[in-house]
Amino acid sequence: MDILVLEDGDAKYSEVLAHLNRSVGEVEVVRATHLADFLRFVERTHFDLIVVDLLVPRFKDSADVDDVTENILEACRD
């Protein structure tokens, strides 16, 4: 199972990953820490499951966190 996780916080990501490993078993997890990474991964790869944090930076090294819900819906709609 291929899983994409959009999460900018290390502690939350560790919790999500631990839960996935307990619940699903052996999985391939790709992590995106900002919206630009997420969009790049979604364009190139089919994922069986996508887990998202809706409040993340839009770009690498950005300190600003935005609600990216609409961007995620548009990217995953296809």
C-alpha atoms as a PDB file:
ATOM      1  CA  MET A   1       0.000   0.000   0.000  1.00  0.00           C
ATOM      2  CA  ASP A   2       1.378   3.397  -1.030  1.00  0.00           C
ATOM      3  CA  ILE A   3       0.517   6.255   1.323  1.00  0.00           C
ATOM      4  CA  LEU A   4       1.184   9.978   1.077  1.00  0.00           C
ATOM      5  CA  VAL A   5       1.207  12.006   4.291  1.00  0.00           C
ATOM      6  CA  LEU A   6       1.143  15.814   4.210  1.00  0.00           C
ATOM      7  CA  GLU A   7       2.278  16.898   7.674  1.00  0.00           C
ATOM      8  CA  ASP A   8       4.678  19.677   8.594  1.00  0.00           C
ATOM      9  CA  GLY A   9       5.073  18.748  12.270  1.00  0.00           C
ATOM     10  CA  ASP A  10       7.578  16.038  13.144  1.00  0.00           C
ATOM     11  CA  ALA A  11       5.748  14.894  16.285  1.00  0.00           C
ATOM     12  CA  LYS A  12       2.393  14.581  14.494  1.00  0.00           C
ATOM     13  CA  TYR A  13       4.023  12.792  11.578  1.00  0.00           C
ATOM     14  CA  SER A  14       5.595  10.259  13.952  1.00  0.00           C
ATOM     15  CA  GLU A  15       2.188   9.609  15.526  1.00  0.00           C
ATOM     16  CA  VAL A  16       0.513   9.158  12.127  1.00  0.00           C
ATOM     17  CA  LEU A  17       3.278   6.826  10.949  1.00  0.00           C
ATOM     18  CA  ALA A  18       3.080   4.724  14.139  1.00  0.00           C
ATOM     19  CA  HIS A  19      -0.691   4.441  13.767  1.00  0.00           C
ATOM     20  CA  LEU A  20      -0.404   3.418  10.117  1.00  0.00           C
ATOM     21  CA  ASN A  21       2.173   0.757  10.937  1.00  0.00           C
ATOM     22  CA  ARG A  22      -0.028  -0.656  13.723  1.00  0.00           C
ATOM     23  CA  SER A  23      -3.266  -0.511  11.733  1.00  0.00           C
ATOM     24  CA  VAL A  24      -2.245  -1.313   8.184  1.00  0.00           C
ATOM     25  CA  GLY A  25       1.012  -3.190   8.611  1.00  0.00           C
ATOM     26  CA  GLU A  26       3.794  -2.884   6.092  1.00  0.00           C
ATOM     27  CA  VAL A  27       3.328   0.278   4.066  1.00  0.00           C
ATOM     28  CA  GLU A  28       5.292   2.584   1.813  1.00  0.00           C
ATOM     29  CA  VAL A  29       4.925   6.106   3.191  1.00  0.00           C
ATOM     30  CA  VAL A  30       5.980   9.270   1.404  1.00  0.00           C
ATOM     31  CA  ARG A  31       5.998  12.474   3.436  1.00  0.00           C
ATOM     32  CA  ALA A  32       5.348  15.974   2.155  1.00  0.00           C
ATOM     33  CA  THR A  33       6.010  18.822   4.566  1.00  0.00           C
ATOM     34  CA  HIS A  34       4.537  21.635   2.471  1.00  0.00           C
ATOM     35  CA  LEU A  35       1.943  22.092  -0.268  1.00  0.00           C
ATOM     36  CA  ALA A  36       4.417  22.373  -3.160  1.00  0.00           C
ATOM     37  CA  ASP A  37       5.880  18.938  -2.302  1.00  0.00           C
ATOM     38  CA  PHE A  38       2.408  17.451  -1.925  1.00  0.00           C
ATOM     39  CA  LEU A  39       1.332  18.701  -5.365  1.00  0.00           C
ATOM     40  CA  ARG A  40       4.499  17.336  -6.967  1.00  0.00           C
ATOM     41  CA  PHE A  41       3.966  13.878  -5.438  1.00  0.00           C
ATOM     42  CA  VAL A  42       0.268  13.748  -6.400  1.00  0.00           C
ATOM     43  CA  GLU A  43       1.056  14.623 -10.030  1.00  0.00           C
ATOM     44  CA  ARG A  44       3.650  11.861 -10.385  1.00  0.00           C
ATOM     45  CA  THR A  45       2.382   8.943  -8.298  1.00  0.00           C
ATOM     46  CA  HIS A  46      -0.845   7.091  -7.579  1.00  0.00           C
ATOM     47  CA  PHE A  47      -1.421   6.650  -3.843  1.00  0.00           C
ATOM     48  CA  ASP A  48      -3.799   4.199  -2.194  1.00  0.00           C
ATOM     49  CA  LEU A  49      -4.302   6.521   0.775  1.00  0.00           C
ATOM     50  CA  ILE A  50      -3.602  10.208   1.351  1.00  0.00           C
ATOM     51  CA  VAL A  51      -3.495  11.660   4.876  1.00  0.00           C
ATOM     52  CA  VAL A  52      -3.394  15.454   5.081  1.00  0.00           C
ATOM     53  CA  ASP A  53      -2.904  18.247   7.547  1.00  0.00           C
ATOM     54  CA  LEU A  54      -4.996  21.095   6.141  1.00  0.00           C
ATOM     55  CA  LEU A  55      -2.908  23.857   7.743  1.00  0.00           C
ATOM     56  CA  VAL A  56       0.606  23.691   6.309  1.00  0.00           C
ATOM     57  CA  PRO A  57       3.151  25.989   4.634  1.00  0.00           C
ATOM     58  CA  ARG A  58       2.732  26.455   0.897  1.00  0.00           C
ATOM     59  CA  PHE A  59       6.481  26.328   0.179  1.00  0.00           C
ATOM     60  CA  LYS A  60       9.677  24.947   1.681  1.00  0.00           C
ATOM     61  CA  ASP A  61      11.231  27.098   4.386  1.00  0.00           C
ATOM     62  CA  SER A  62       8.082  29.200   4.740  1.00  0.00           C
ATOM     63  CA  ALA A  63       7.111  30.077   8.301  1.00  0.00           C
ATOM     64  CA  ASP A  64       3.568  30.997   7.270  1.00  0.00           C
ATOM     65  CA  VAL A  65       0.912  28.305   7.601  1.00  0.00           C
ATOM     66  CA  ASP A  66      -2.178  28.455   5.369  1.00  0.00           C
ATOM     67  CA  ASP A  67      -5.421  26.543   4.960  1.00  0.00           C
ATOM     68  CA  VAL A  68      -4.691  24.537   1.788  1.00  0.00           C
ATOM     69  CA  THR A  69      -7.958  22.583   1.674  1.00  0.00           C
ATOM     70  CA  GLU A  70      -9.056  23.903  -1.729  1.00  0.00           C
ATOM     71  CA  ASN A  71      -5.632  23.239  -3.275  1.00  0.00           C
ATOM     72  CA  ILE A  72      -5.690  19.657  -2.014  1.00  0.00           C
ATOM     73  CA  LEU A  73      -9.220  19.031  -3.298  1.00  0.00           C
ATOM     74  CA  GLU A  74      -8.338  20.381  -6.734  1.00  0.00           C
ATOM     75  CA  ALA A  75      -5.186  18.271  -6.936  1.00  0.00           C
ATOM     76  CA  CYS A  76      -6.907  15.055  -5.844  1.00  0.00           C
ATOM     77  CA  ARG A  77     -10.112  15.525  -7.785  1.00  0.00           C
ATOM     78  CA  ASP A  78      -8.638  14.027 -10.947  1.00  0.00           C
END
